[in-house]
Amino acid sequence: MVKSPRKQTSIKVDPEAWESAKEIFAGYGISVSDAINIFLHKVQKVGGLPFEMRDETYKEPTKEEILEGLREAVEEVNLANKGKIKLKTLDEVLNEL
């Protein structure tokens, strides 16, 4: 990687997060500045944040919840199209597998 001149900047950060991160990065033998540069290069490479962001309260649906949602969707479609096209129920499809 070709090193270019560095841009001096000033950012406001949570002091506890800074100190914690500083200790973690020291374990890798890099500075916070190095870590920020790694992050910025990764953002540039992937065209966005290099990790998934989720609401901490988000709960992954269970298999049962997903299947129930699909069952309800099939029922709604069958009711809405008034018998013009009859979709198989999810249980019928799963039984065919």
PDB file of N, CA and C in Angstrom:
ATOM      1  N   MET A   1       0.840  -1.176   0.000  1.00  0.00           N
ATOM      2  CA  MET A   1       0.000   0.000   0.000  1.00  0.00           C
ATOM      3  C   MET A   1       0.885   1.239   0.000  1.00  0.00           C
ATOM      4  N   VAL A   2       0.637   2.151  -0.905  1.00  0.00           N
ATOM      5  CA  VAL A   2       1.400   3.384  -0.997  1.00  0.00           C
ATOM      6  C   VAL A   2       0.879   4.354   0.048  1.00  0.00           C
ATOM      7  N   LYS A   3       1.787   4.859   0.872  1.00  0.00           N
ATOM      8  CA  LYS A   3       1.372   5.796   1.903  1.00  0.00           C
ATOM      9  C   LYS A   3       1.314   7.193   1.319  1.00  0.00           C
ATOM     10  N   SER A   4       0.184   7.849   1.570  1.00  0.00           N
ATOM     11  CA  SER A   4       0.033   9.222   1.131  1.00  0.00           C
ATOM     12  C   SER A   4       0.154  10.133   2.350  1.00  0.00           C
ATOM     13  N   PRO A   5       0.327  11.432   2.112  1.00  0.00           N
ATOM     14  CA  PRO A   5       0.413  12.347   3.251  1.00  0.00           C
ATOM     15  C   PRO A   5      -0.865  12.225   4.103  1.00  0.00           C
ATOM     16  N   ARG A   6      -0.705  12.341   5.397  1.00  0.00           N
ATOM     17  CA  ARG A   6      -1.838  12.207   6.313  1.00  0.00           C
ATOM     18  C   ARG A   6      -2.593  13.516   6.447  1.00  0.00           C
ATOM     19  N   LYS A   7      -3.902  13.412   6.620  1.00  0.00           N
ATOM     20  CA  LYS A   7      -4.737  14.582   6.865  1.00  0.00           C
ATOM     21  C   LYS A   7      -4.989  14.677   8.358  1.00  0.00           C
ATOM     22  N   GLN A   8      -4.661  15.797   8.927  1.00  0.00           N
ATOM     23  CA  GLN A   8      -4.917  16.029  10.355  1.00  0.00           C
ATOM     24  C   GLN A   8      -6.393  16.350  10.517  1.00  0.00           C
ATOM     25  N   THR A   9      -7.031  15.735  11.492  1.00  0.00           N
ATOM     26  CA  THR A   9      -8.444  15.989  11.728  1.00  0.00           C
ATOM     27  C   THR A   9      -8.725  15.966  13.215  1.00  0.00           C
ATOM     28  N   SER A  10      -9.882  16.411  13.577  1.00  0.00           N
ATOM     29  CA  SER A  10     -10.295  16.407  14.974  1.00  0.00           C
ATOM     30  C   SER A  10     -11.695  15.807  15.035  1.00  0.00           C
ATOM     31  N   ILE A  11     -11.881  14.839  15.921  1.00  0.00           N
ATOM     32  CA  ILE A  11     -13.200  14.216  16.062  1.00  0.00           C
ATOM     33  C   ILE A  11     -13.567  14.164  17.537  1.00  0.00           C
ATOM     34  N   LYS A  12     -14.846  14.141  17.804  1.00  0.00           N
ATOM     35  CA  LYS A  12     -15.324  14.004  19.178  1.00  0.00           C
ATOM     36  C   LYS A  12     -15.746  12.563  19.373  1.00  0.00           C
ATOM     37  N   VAL A  13     -15.205  11.935  20.403  1.00  0.00           N
ATOM     38  CA  VAL A  13     -15.505  10.530  20.661  1.00  0.00           C
ATOM     39  C   VAL A  13     -15.832  10.334  22.136  1.00  0.00           C
ATOM     40  N   ASP A  14     -16.492   9.232  22.396  1.00  0.00           N
ATOM     41  CA  ASP A  14     -16.774   8.828  23.773  1.00  0.00           C
ATOM     42  C   ASP A  14     -15.448   8.451  24.424  1.00  0.00           C
ATOM     43  N   PRO A  15     -15.062   9.111  25.510  1.00  0.00           N
ATOM     44  CA  PRO A  15     -13.752   8.848  26.108  1.00  0.00           C
ATOM     45  C   PRO A  15     -13.574   7.410  26.597  1.00  0.00           C
ATOM     46  N   GLU A  16     -14.620   6.804  27.127  1.00  0.00           N
ATOM     47  CA  GLU A  16     -14.508   5.420  27.591  1.00  0.00           C
ATOM     48  C   GLU A  16     -14.304   4.474  26.410  1.00  0.00           C
ATOM     49  N   ALA A  17     -15.047   4.711  25.322  1.00  0.00           N
ATOM     50  CA  ALA A  17     -14.903   3.877  24.127  1.00  0.00           C
ATOM     51  C   ALA A  17     -13.493   4.044  23.558  1.00  0.00           C
ATOM     52  N   TRP A  18     -12.981   5.276  23.562  1.00  0.00           N
ATOM     53  CA  TRP A  18     -11.636   5.555  23.049  1.00  0.00           C
ATOM     54  C   TRP A  18     -10.584   4.764  23.820  1.00  0.00           C
ATOM     55  N   GLU A  19     -10.652   4.842  25.149  1.00  0.00           N
ATOM     56  CA  GLU A  19      -9.652   4.160  25.979  1.00  0.00           C
ATOM     57  C   GLU A  19      -9.746   2.646  25.815  1.00  0.00           C
ATOM     58  N   SER A  20     -10.962   2.133  25.773  1.00  0.00           N
ATOM     59  CA  SER A  20     -11.158   0.696  25.603  1.00  0.00           C
ATOM     60  C   SER A  20     -10.610   0.238  24.262  1.00  0.00           C
ATOM     61  N   ALA A  21     -10.956   0.977  23.208  1.00  0.00           N
ATOM     62  CA  ALA A  21     -10.482   0.635  21.868  1.00  0.00           C
ATOM     63  C   ALA A  21      -8.961   0.747  21.789  1.00  0.00           C
ATOM     64  N   LYS A  22      -8.415   1.763  22.426  1.00  0.00           N
ATOM     65  CA  LYS A  22      -6.964   1.981  22.421  1.00  0.00           C
ATOM     66  C   LYS A  22      -6.237   0.758  22.992  1.00  0.00           C
ATOM     67  N   GLU A  23      -6.771   0.204  24.084  1.00  0.00           N
ATOM     68  CA  GLU A  23      -6.166  -0.989  24.686  1.00  0.00           C
ATOM     69  C   GLU A  23      -6.280  -2.202  23.755  1.00  0.00           C
ATOM     70  N   ILE A  24      -7.439  -2.341  23.137  1.00  0.00           N
ATOM     71  CA  ILE A  24      -7.649  -3.473  22.221  1.00  0.00           C
ATOM     72  C   ILE A  24      -6.700  -3.371  21.035  1.00  0.00           C
ATOM     73  N   PHE A  25      -6.613  -2.172  20.438  1.00  0.00           N
ATOM     74  CA  PHE A  25      -5.738  -1.991  19.282  1.00  0.00           C
ATOM     75  C   PHE A  25      -4.274  -2.208  19.660  1.00  0.00           C
ATOM     76  N   ALA A  26      -3.888  -1.805  20.869  1.00  0.00           N
ATOM     77  CA  ALA A  26      -2.512  -2.013  21.324  1.00  0.00           C
ATOM     78  C   ALA A  26      -2.181  -3.502  21.327  1.00  0.00           C
ATOM     79  N   GLY A  27      -3.172  -4.328  21.619  1.00  0.00           N
ATOM     80  CA  GLY A  27      -2.969  -5.773  21.575  1.00  0.00           C
ATOM     81  C   GLY A  27      -2.639  -6.268  20.180  1.00  0.00           C
ATOM     82  N   TYR A  28      -3.065  -5.523  19.163  1.00  0.00           N
ATOM     83  CA  TYR A  28      -2.744  -5.853  17.768  1.00  0.00           C
ATOM     84  C   TYR A  28      -1.482  -5.136  17.295  1.00  0.00           C
ATOM     85  N   GLY A  29      -0.944  -4.284  18.171  1.00  0.00           N
ATOM     86  CA  GLY A  29       0.255  -3.537  17.802  1.00  0.00           C
ATOM     87  C   GLY A  29      -0.033  -2.354  16.892  1.00  0.00           C
ATOM     88  N   ILE A  30      -1.254  -1.828  16.963  1.00  0.00           N
ATOM     89  CA  ILE A  30      -1.601  -0.658  16.139  1.00  0.00           C
ATOM     90  C   ILE A  30      -2.181   0.442  17.023  1.00  0.00           C
ATOM     91  N   SER A  31      -2.117   1.655  16.517  1.00  0.00           N
ATOM     92  CA  SER A  31      -2.668   2.806  17.237  1.00  0.00           C
ATOM     93  C   SER A  31      -4.129   3.010  16.845  1.00  0.00           C
ATOM     94  N   VAL A  32      -4.795   3.885  17.580  1.00  0.00           N
ATOM     95  CA  VAL A  32      -6.177   4.232  17.222  1.00  0.00           C
ATOM     96  C   VAL A  32      -6.186   4.870  15.837  1.00  0.00           C
ATOM     97  N   SER A  33      -5.198   5.693  15.556  1.00  0.00           N
ATOM     98  CA  SER A  33      -5.091   6.322  14.236  1.00  0.00           C
ATOM     99  C   SER A  33      -4.964   5.262  13.133  1.00  0.00           C
ATOM    100  N   ASP A  34      -4.124   4.251  13.383  1.00  0.00           N
ATOM    101  CA  ASP A  34      -3.985   3.154  12.413  1.00  0.00           C
ATOM    102  C   ASP A  34      -5.333   2.452  12.206  1.00  0.00           C
ATOM    103  N   ALA A  35      -6.014   2.184  13.309  1.00  0.00           N
ATOM    104  CA  ALA A  35      -7.298   1.481  13.237  1.00  0.00           C
ATOM    105  C   ALA A  35      -8.329   2.304  12.463  1.00  0.00           C
ATOM    106  N   ILE A  36      -8.354   3.602  12.687  1.00  0.00           N
ATOM    107  CA  ILE A  36      -9.291   4.465  11.956  1.00  0.00           C
ATOM    108  C   ILE A  36      -8.965   4.450  10.468  1.00  0.00           C
ATOM    109  N   ASN A  37      -7.675   4.477  10.127  1.00  0.00           N
ATOM    110  CA  ASN A  37      -7.291   4.406   8.712  1.00  0.00           C
ATOM    111  C   ASN A  37      -7.690   3.070   8.085  1.00  0.00           C
ATOM    112  N   ILE A  38      -7.535   1.988   8.836  1.00  0.00           N
ATOM    113  CA  ILE A  38      -7.966   0.673   8.341  1.00  0.00           C
ATOM    114  C   ILE A  38      -9.463   0.704   8.089  1.00  0.00           C
ATOM    115  N   PHE A  39     -10.218   1.254   9.048  1.00  0.00           N
ATOM    116  CA  PHE A  39     -11.669   1.371   8.898  1.00  0.00           C
ATOM    117  C   PHE A  39     -12.037   2.190   7.654  1.00  0.00           C
ATOM    118  N   LEU A  40     -11.396   3.337   7.471  1.00  0.00           N
ATOM    119  CA  LEU A  40     -11.709   4.202   6.328  1.00  0.00           C
ATOM    120  C   LEU A  40     -11.395   3.514   4.995  1.00  0.00           C
ATOM    121  N   HIS A  41     -10.293   2.783   4.932  1.00  0.00           N
ATOM    122  CA  HIS A  41      -9.947   2.055   3.707  1.00  0.00           C
ATOM    123  C   HIS A  41     -10.976   0.958   3.418  1.00  0.00           C
ATOM    124  N   LYS A  42     -11.432   0.292   4.479  1.00  0.00           N
ATOM    125  CA  LYS A  42     -12.441  -0.764   4.307  1.00  0.00           C
ATOM    126  C   LYS A  42     -13.761  -0.153   3.838  1.00  0.00           C
ATOM    127  N   VAL A  43     -14.151   0.983   4.384  1.00  0.00           N
ATOM    128  CA  VAL A  43     -15.363   1.686   3.941  1.00  0.00           C
ATOM    129  C   VAL A  43     -15.257   2.000   2.454  1.00  0.00           C
ATOM    130  N   GLN A  44     -14.106   2.489   2.048  1.00  0.00           N
ATOM    131  CA  GLN A  44     -13.865   2.832   0.646  1.00  0.00           C
ATOM    132  C   GLN A  44     -13.954   1.578  -0.229  1.00  0.00           C
ATOM    133  N   LYS A  45     -13.375   0.484   0.239  1.00  0.00           N
ATOM    134  CA  LYS A  45     -13.341  -0.750  -0.550  1.00  0.00           C
ATOM    135  C   LYS A  45     -14.722  -1.362  -0.726  1.00  0.00           C
ATOM    136  N   VAL A  46     -15.529  -1.385   0.343  1.00  0.00           N
ATOM    137  CA  VAL A  46     -16.844  -2.031   0.257  1.00  0.00           C
ATOM    138  C   VAL A  46     -17.966  -1.061  -0.120  1.00  0.00           C
ATOM    139  N   GLY A  47     -17.656   0.229  -0.147  1.00  0.00           N
ATOM    140  CA  GLY A  47     -18.660   1.213  -0.545  1.00  0.00           C
ATOM    141  C   GLY A  47     -19.706   1.476   0.525  1.00  0.00           C
ATOM    142  N   GLY A  48     -19.334   1.310   1.770  1.00  0.00           N
ATOM    143  CA  GLY A  48     -20.264   1.547   2.878  1.00  0.00           C
ATOM    144  C   GLY A  48     -19.652   1.046   4.164  1.00  0.00           C
ATOM    145  N   LEU A  49     -20.490   0.970   5.189  1.00  0.00           N
ATOM    146  CA  LEU A  49     -19.982   0.463   6.460  1.00  0.00           C
ATOM    147  C   LEU A  49     -19.546  -0.982   6.306  1.00  0.00           C
ATOM    148  N   PRO A  50     -18.394  -1.340   6.849  1.00  0.00           N
ATOM    149  CA  PRO A  50     -17.871  -2.698   6.660  1.00  0.00           C
ATOM    150  C   PRO A  50     -18.412  -3.708   7.668  1.00  0.00           C
ATOM    151  N   PHE A  51     -19.584  -3.427   8.200  1.00  0.00           N
ATOM    152  CA  PHE A  51     -20.221  -4.349   9.137  1.00  0.00           C
ATOM    153  C   PHE A  51     -21.713  -4.088   9.102  1.00  0.00           C
ATOM    154  N   GLU A  52     -22.465  -5.052   9.586  1.00  0.00           N
ATOM    155  CA  GLU A  52     -23.915  -4.929   9.615  1.00  0.00           C
ATOM    156  C   GLU A  52     -24.322  -4.147  10.857  1.00  0.00           C
ATOM    157  N   MET A  53     -25.269  -3.246  10.684  1.00  0.00           N
ATOM    158  CA  MET A  53     -25.787  -2.499  11.827  1.00  0.00           C
ATOM    159  C   MET A  53     -27.200  -2.984  12.120  1.00  0.00           C
ATOM    160  N   ARG A  54     -27.462  -3.259  13.364  1.00  0.00           N
ATOM    161  CA  ARG A  54     -28.787  -3.707  13.781  1.00  0.00           C
ATOM    162  C   ARG A  54     -29.196  -2.996  15.052  1.00  0.00           C
ATOM    163  N   ASP A  55     -30.482  -2.868  15.203  1.00  0.00           N
ATOM    164  CA  ASP A  55     -31.049  -2.378  16.441  1.00  0.00           C
ATOM    165  C   ASP A  55     -30.757  -3.425  17.509  1.00  0.00           C
ATOM    166  N   GLU A  56     -30.249  -3.008  18.641  1.00  0.00           N
ATOM    167  CA  GLU A  56     -29.898  -3.965  19.695  1.00  0.00           C
ATOM    168  C   GLU A  56     -31.101  -4.744  20.204  1.00  0.00           C
ATOM    169  N   THR A  57     -32.306  -4.208  19.985  1.00  0.00           N
ATOM    170  CA  THR A  57     -33.505  -4.903  20.450  1.00  0.00           C
ATOM    171  C   THR A  57     -34.037  -5.875  19.396  1.00  0.00           C
ATOM    172  N   TYR A  58     -33.397  -5.899  18.207  1.00  0.00           N
ATOM    173  CA  TYR A  58     -33.838  -6.793  17.137  1.00  0.00           C
ATOM    174  C   TYR A  58     -33.689  -8.248  17.561  1.00  0.00           C
ATOM    175  N   LYS A  59     -34.745  -9.012  17.308  1.00  0.00           N
ATOM    176  CA  LYS A  59     -34.705 -10.432  17.632  1.00  0.00           C
ATOM    177  C   LYS A  59     -34.928 -11.201  16.338  1.00  0.00           C
ATOM    178  N   GLU A  60     -34.013 -12.070  16.008  1.00  0.00           N
ATOM    179  CA  GLU A  60     -34.122 -12.906  14.806  1.00  0.00           C
ATOM    180  C   GLU A  60     -35.376 -13.781  14.946  1.00  0.00           C
ATOM    181  N   PRO A  61     -36.240 -13.792  13.908  1.00  0.00           N
ATOM    182  CA  PRO A  61     -37.433 -14.635  14.019  1.00  0.00           C
ATOM    183  C   PRO A  61     -37.065 -16.116  14.047  1.00  0.00           C
ATOM    184  N   THR A  62     -37.857 -16.875  14.778  1.00  0.00           N
ATOM    185  CA  THR A  62     -37.628 -18.315  14.841  1.00  0.00           C
ATOM    186  C   THR A  62     -38.150 -18.956  13.556  1.00  0.00           C
ATOM    187  N   LYS A  63     -37.743 -20.181  13.320  1.00  0.00           N
ATOM    188  CA  LYS A  63     -38.223 -20.927  12.153  1.00  0.00           C
ATOM    189  C   LYS A  63     -39.747 -21.010  12.188  1.00  0.00           C
ATOM    190  N   GLU A  64     -40.304 -21.263  13.375  1.00  0.00           N
ATOM    191  CA  GLU A  64     -41.752 -21.371  13.520  1.00  0.00           C
ATOM    192  C   GLU A  64     -42.451 -20.053  13.168  1.00  0.00           C
ATOM    193  N   GLU A  65     -41.869 -18.919  13.586  1.00  0.00           N
ATOM    194  CA  GLU A  65     -42.461 -17.614  13.275  1.00  0.00           C
ATOM    195  C   GLU A  65     -42.420 -17.341  11.772  1.00  0.00           C
ATOM    196  N   ILE A  66     -41.342 -17.727  11.129  1.00  0.00           N
ATOM    197  CA  ILE A  66     -41.225 -17.544   9.673  1.00  0.00           C
ATOM    198  C   ILE A  66     -42.269 -18.394   8.952  1.00  0.00           C
ATOM    199  N   LEU A  67     -42.367 -19.651   9.346  1.00  0.00           N
ATOM    200  CA  LEU A  67     -43.341 -20.541   8.708  1.00  0.00           C
ATOM    201  C   LEU A  67     -44.768 -20.054   8.936  1.00  0.00           C
ATOM    202  N   GLU A  68     -45.063 -19.575  10.134  1.00  0.00           N
ATOM    203  CA  GLU A  68     -46.409 -19.057  10.415  1.00  0.00           C
ATOM    204  C   GLU A  68     -46.701 -17.835   9.548  1.00  0.00           C
ATOM    205  N   GLY A  69     -45.722 -16.974   9.385  1.00  0.00           N
ATOM    206  CA  GLY A  69     -45.896 -15.806   8.519  1.00  0.00           C
ATOM    207  C   GLY A  69     -46.167 -16.211   7.078  1.00  0.00           C
ATOM    208  N   LEU A  70     -45.458 -17.233   6.606  1.00  0.00           N
ATOM    209  CA  LEU A  70     -45.688 -17.730   5.237  1.00  0.00           C
ATOM    210  C   LEU A  70     -47.077 -18.349   5.106  1.00  0.00           C
ATOM    211  N   ARG A  71     -47.506 -19.108   6.117  1.00  0.00           N
ATOM    212  CA  ARG A  71     -48.853 -19.699   6.103  1.00  0.00           C
ATOM    213  C   ARG A  71     -49.919 -18.604   5.997  1.00  0.00           C
ATOM    214  N   GLU A  72     -49.766 -17.573   6.804  1.00  0.00           N
ATOM    215  CA  GLU A  72     -50.720 -16.458   6.798  1.00  0.00           C
ATOM    216  C   GLU A  72     -50.723 -15.747   5.445  1.00  0.00           C
ATOM    217  N   ALA A  73     -49.551 -15.571   4.849  1.00  0.00           N
ATOM    218  CA  ALA A  73     -49.467 -14.905   3.544  1.00  0.00           C
ATOM    219  C   ALA A  73     -50.181 -15.712   2.472  1.00  0.00           C
ATOM    220  N   VAL A  74     -50.005 -17.030   2.476  1.00  0.00           N
ATOM    221  CA  VAL A  74     -50.688 -17.893   1.491  1.00  0.00           C
ATOM    222  C   VAL A  74     -52.192 -17.799   1.687  1.00  0.00           C
ATOM    223  N   GLU A  75     -52.656 -17.830   2.933  1.00  0.00           N
ATOM    224  CA  GLU A  75     -54.089 -17.708   3.215  1.00  0.00           C
ATOM    225  C   GLU A  75     -54.640 -16.390   2.693  1.00  0.00           C
ATOM    226  N   GLU A  76     -53.918 -15.303   2.955  1.00  0.00           N
ATOM    227  CA  GLU A  76     -54.355 -13.981   2.508  1.00  0.00           C
ATOM    228  C   GLU A  76     -54.450 -13.911   0.988  1.00  0.00           C
ATOM    229  N   VAL A  77     -53.466 -14.475   0.293  1.00  0.00           N
ATOM    230  CA  VAL A  77     -53.488 -14.473  -1.177  1.00  0.00           C
ATOM    231  C   VAL A  77     -54.677 -15.280  -1.673  1.00  0.00           C
ATOM    232  N   ASN A  78     -54.899 -16.452  -1.089  1.00  0.00           N
ATOM    233  CA  ASN A  78     -56.022 -17.291  -1.519  1.00  0.00           C
ATOM    234  C   ASN A  78     -57.363 -16.611  -1.261  1.00  0.00           C
ATOM    235  N   LEU A  79     -57.502 -15.899  -0.157  1.00  0.00           N
ATOM    236  CA  LEU A  79     -58.739 -15.179   0.128  1.00  0.00           C
ATOM    237  C   LEU A  79     -58.910 -13.984  -0.811  1.00  0.00           C
ATOM    238  N   ALA A  80     -57.824 -13.277  -1.078  1.00  0.00           N
ATOM    239  CA  ALA A  80     -57.879 -12.057  -1.894  1.00  0.00           C
ATOM    240  C   ALA A  80     -58.192 -12.334  -3.356  1.00  0.00           C
ATOM    241  N   ASN A  81     -57.724 -13.473  -3.886  1.00  0.00           N
ATOM    242  CA  ASN A  81     -57.940 -13.710  -5.324  1.00  0.00           C
ATOM    243  C   ASN A  81     -59.257 -14.439  -5.589  1.00  0.00           C
ATOM    244  N   LYS A  82     -60.055 -14.664  -4.540  1.00  0.00           N
ATOM    245  CA  LYS A  82     -61.412 -15.212  -4.648  1.00  0.00           C
ATOM    246  C   LYS A  82     -61.498 -16.454  -5.518  1.00  0.00           C
ATOM    247  N   GLY A  83     -60.557 -17.358  -5.340  1.00  0.00           N
ATOM    248  CA  GLY A  83     -60.615 -18.640  -6.029  1.00  0.00           C
ATOM    249  C   GLY A  83     -60.135 -18.649  -7.460  1.00  0.00           C
ATOM    250  N   LYS A  84     -59.716 -17.500  -7.989  1.00  0.00           N
ATOM    251  CA  LYS A  84     -59.224 -17.464  -9.374  1.00  0.00           C
ATOM    252  C   LYS A  84     -57.979 -18.324  -9.519  1.00  0.00           C
ATOM    253  N   ILE A  85     -57.093 -18.198  -8.570  1.00  0.00           N
ATOM    254  CA  ILE A  85     -55.872 -19.015  -8.536  1.00  0.00           C
ATOM    255  C   ILE A  85     -55.758 -19.524  -7.109  1.00  0.00           C
ATOM    256  N   LYS A  86     -55.566 -20.808  -6.959  1.00  0.00           N
ATOM    257  CA  LYS A  86     -55.455 -21.387  -5.621  1.00  0.00           C
ATOM    258  C   LYS A  86     -54.001 -21.768  -5.368  1.00  0.00           C
ATOM    259  N   LEU A  87     -53.399 -21.082  -4.435  1.00  0.00           N
ATOM    260  CA  LEU A  87     -52.040 -21.440  -4.047  1.00  0.00           C
ATOM    261  C   LEU A  87     -52.096 -22.636  -3.108  1.00  0.00           C
ATOM    262  N   LYS A  88     -51.128 -23.511  -3.225  1.00  0.00           N
ATOM    263  CA  LYS A  88     -51.025 -24.605  -2.266  1.00  0.00           C
ATOM    264  C   LYS A  88     -50.695 -24.012  -0.915  1.00  0.00           C
ATOM    265  N   THR A  89     -51.137 -24.667   0.125  1.00  0.00           N
ATOM    266  CA  THR A  89     -50.762 -24.211   1.457  1.00  0.00           C
ATOM    267  C   THR A  89     -49.289 -24.519   1.675  1.00  0.00           C
ATOM    268  N   LEU A  90     -48.709 -23.821   2.600  1.00  0.00           N
ATOM    269  CA  LEU A  90     -47.302 -24.053   2.910  1.00  0.00           C
ATOM    270  C   LEU A  90     -47.090 -25.497   3.352  1.00  0.00           C
ATOM    271  N   ASP A  91     -48.017 -26.019   4.139  1.00  0.00           N
ATOM    272  CA  ASP A  91     -47.870 -27.404   4.598  1.00  0.00           C
ATOM    273  C   ASP A  91     -47.900 -28.378   3.418  1.00  0.00           C
ATOM    274  N   GLU A  92     -48.735 -28.116   2.397  1.00  0.00           N
ATOM    275  CA  GLU A  92     -48.771 -28.984   1.212  1.00  0.00           C
ATOM    276  C   GLU A  92     -47.428 -28.947   0.475  1.00  0.00           C
ATOM    277  N   VAL A  93     -46.882 -27.765   0.342  1.00  0.00           N
ATOM    278  CA  VAL A  93     -45.588 -27.614  -0.341  1.00  0.00           C
ATOM    279  C   VAL A  93     -44.496 -28.342   0.455  1.00  0.00           C
ATOM    280  N   LEU A  94     -44.472 -28.147   1.766  1.00  0.00           N
ATOM    281  CA  LEU A  94     -43.447 -28.771   2.597  1.00  0.00           C
ATOM    282  C   LEU A  94     -43.585 -30.297   2.582  1.00  0.00           C
ATOM    283  N   ASN A  95     -44.802 -30.793   2.519  1.00  0.00           N
ATOM    284  CA  ASN A  95     -45.004 -32.240   2.481  1.00  0.00           C
ATOM    285  C   ASN A  95     -44.496 -32.849   1.167  1.00  0.00           C
ATOM    286  N   GLU A  96     -44.488 -32.051   0.104  1.00  0.00           N
ATOM    287  CA  GLU A  96     -44.010 -32.542  -1.193  1.00  0.00           C
ATOM    288  C   GLU A  96     -42.486 -32.634  -1.251  1.00  0.00           C
ATOM    289  N   LEU A  97     -41.821 -31.950  -0.356  1.00  0.00           N
ATOM    290  CA  LEU A  97     -40.347 -31.938  -0.380  1.00  0.00           C
ATOM    291  C   LEU A  97     -39.762 -33.243   0.085  1.00  0.00           C
TER     292      LEU A  97
END
